[in-house]
Amino acid sequence: MKKILIVDDSAVFRKVVAMHLKTQGYEVIEAGDGLEAMDKLKNDQVNLIVCDVNMPNMDGLTFISKLRTDNQINKFTPIIMLTTESQEEKKRQGMEAGAKAWLVKPFAPEQLLMAISKLIK
């Protein structure tokens, strides 16, 4: 079973995304910000990460940058940014940092599931 980490400061949003993923057979773990996500990744291998940009403690762009340079964590794990940010500059920064896809909230669950299936076969 493929495992996905959802990183978002909104507990309600994490639950909604988790519900959609679980109905498709994915195992889900959750983190409220980038710091918590880094912590969880030290003990848990995941196949993919769905991450917000705007979060307290450690935002999504900082999280991706740290993840991509941390030798103790699989830095090749695909990351989908799922955020309210739609500016091209933010998107460019995210893709340069290592995100593989950028989806804007509100999102269609099918859109997220399609992006996931393309990134983890």
Protein backbone atom coordinates (compact mmCIF):
# COMPACT_ATOMS: atom_id res chain seq x y z
CA MET A 1 0.00 0.00 0.00
CA LYS A 2 1.38 3.42 -1.00
CA LYS A 3 1.78 5.93 1.83
CA ILE A 4 1.15 9.66 1.43
CA LEU A 5 2.05 12.48 3.82
CA ILE A 6 -0.34 15.46 3.90
CA VAL A 7 1.25 18.67 5.22
CA ASP A 8 -1.24 21.48 5.90
CA ASP A 9 -1.95 23.70 8.91
CA SER A 10 -5.71 23.18 8.51
CA ALA A 11 -6.76 20.00 10.31
CA VAL A 12 -10.11 20.08 8.49
CA PHE A 13 -8.42 20.32 5.10
CA ARG A 14 -6.03 17.46 6.00
CA LYS A 15 -9.03 15.29 6.93
CA VAL A 16 -10.83 16.06 3.65
CA VAL A 17 -7.76 15.20 1.57
CA ALA A 18 -7.08 12.10 3.69
CA MET A 19 -10.64 10.89 3.18
CA HIS A 20 -10.29 11.10 -0.62
CA LEU A 21 -6.93 9.33 -0.54
CA LYS A 22 -8.06 6.55 1.80
CA THR A 23 -11.04 5.74 -0.42
CA GLN A 24 -8.50 5.09 -3.20
CA GLY A 25 -6.51 2.70 -1.01
CA TYR A 26 -3.68 4.99 0.09
CA GLU A 27 -2.31 4.98 3.62
CA VAL A 28 -2.15 8.55 4.98
CA ILE A 29 -0.11 10.32 7.64
CA GLU A 30 -0.57 13.98 8.51
CA ALA A 31 1.53 16.92 9.67
CA GLY A 32 0.45 20.46 10.59
CA ASP A 33 3.53 22.24 9.21
CA GLY A 34 6.94 21.65 7.67
CA LEU A 35 8.68 21.11 11.02
CA GLU A 36 6.25 18.37 12.03
CA ALA A 37 6.55 16.85 8.55
CA MET A 38 10.38 16.70 8.78
CA ASP A 39 10.00 15.01 12.15
CA LYS A 40 7.55 12.41 10.81
CA LEU A 41 9.73 11.67 7.79
CA LYS A 42 12.63 10.68 10.04
CA ASN A 43 10.58 7.66 11.19
CA ASP A 44 8.28 7.06 8.23
CA GLN A 45 8.97 6.34 4.56
CA VAL A 46 6.34 7.82 2.26
CA ASN A 47 5.76 7.46 -1.48
CA LEU A 48 4.47 11.02 -2.00
CA ILE A 49 3.89 14.30 -0.15
CA VAL A 50 0.95 16.70 -0.59
CA CYS A 51 1.95 20.06 0.89
CA ASP A 52 0.51 23.54 1.44
CA VAL A 53 2.65 26.68 1.03
CA ASN A 54 1.42 28.98 3.82
CA MET A 55 1.92 27.37 7.25
CA PRO A 56 3.30 28.48 10.63
CA ASN A 57 6.72 27.38 11.94
CA MET A 58 7.98 26.15 8.55
CA ASP A 59 6.23 27.05 5.30
CA GLY A 60 5.95 24.68 2.35
CA LEU A 61 8.71 26.19 0.22
CA THR A 62 11.19 26.06 3.12
CA PHE A 63 10.07 22.49 3.84
CA ILE A 64 10.76 21.38 0.25
CA SER A 65 14.18 23.03 0.27
CA LYS A 66 15.13 21.39 3.56
CA LEU A 67 13.74 18.02 2.46
CA ARG A 68 15.75 18.08 -0.78
CA THR A 69 19.01 18.67 1.14
CA ASP A 70 18.45 16.34 4.14
CA ASN A 71 20.52 13.18 3.67
CA GLN A 72 18.54 11.25 6.27
CA ILE A 73 15.26 11.56 4.37
CA ASN A 74 14.45 10.32 0.87
CA LYS A 75 14.98 13.56 -1.02
CA PHE A 76 13.54 12.10 -4.23
CA THR A 77 10.01 11.69 -2.83
CA PRO A 78 7.59 13.43 -5.24
CA ILE A 79 5.85 16.50 -3.82
CA ILE A 80 2.53 18.00 -4.93
CA MET A 81 1.87 21.54 -3.73
CA LEU A 82 -1.83 21.99 -2.92
CA THR A 83 -2.27 25.64 -1.99
CA THR A 84 -4.28 28.84 -2.37
CA GLU A 85 -1.18 30.43 -3.96
CA SER A 86 -1.65 30.88 -7.69
CA GLN A 87 1.02 33.50 -8.47
CA GLU A 88 3.48 32.37 -11.14
CA GLU A 89 6.42 33.52 -9.01
CA LYS A 90 5.42 31.28 -6.07
CA LYS A 91 4.83 28.39 -8.45
CA ARG A 92 8.24 28.92 -10.06
CA GLN A 93 9.89 28.96 -6.62
CA GLY A 94 8.10 25.75 -5.66
CA MET A 95 9.03 23.94 -8.85
CA GLU A 96 12.65 25.11 -8.56
CA ALA A 97 12.73 23.89 -4.96
CA GLY A 98 11.60 20.45 -6.11
CA ALA A 99 7.80 20.27 -6.31
CA LYS A 100 6.55 18.01 -9.13
CA ALA A 101 3.02 19.46 -9.41
CA TRP A 102 1.14 22.60 -8.32
CA LEU A 103 -2.62 22.48 -7.64
CA VAL A 104 -4.65 25.46 -6.47
CA LYS A 105 -7.36 25.30 -3.77
CA PRO A 106 -10.24 24.79 -4.06
CA PHE A 107 -9.37 21.63 -5.95
CA ALA A 108 -11.21 18.79 -7.62
CA PRO A 109 -10.37 15.50 -5.88
CA GLU A 110 -10.06 13.81 -9.29
CA GLN A 111 -7.40 16.35 -10.25
CA LEU A 112 -5.34 15.47 -7.15
CA LEU A 113 -5.81 11.73 -7.62
CA MET A 114 -4.72 11.98 -11.26
CA ALA A 115 -1.57 13.90 -10.31
CA ILE A 116 -0.79 11.32 -7.61
CA SER A 117 -1.29 8.37 -9.95
CA LYS A 118 1.11 9.96 -12.48
CA LEU A 119 3.79 10.46 -9.83
CA ILE A 120 3.55 7.11 -8.02
CA LYS A 121 2.69 4.17 -10.21
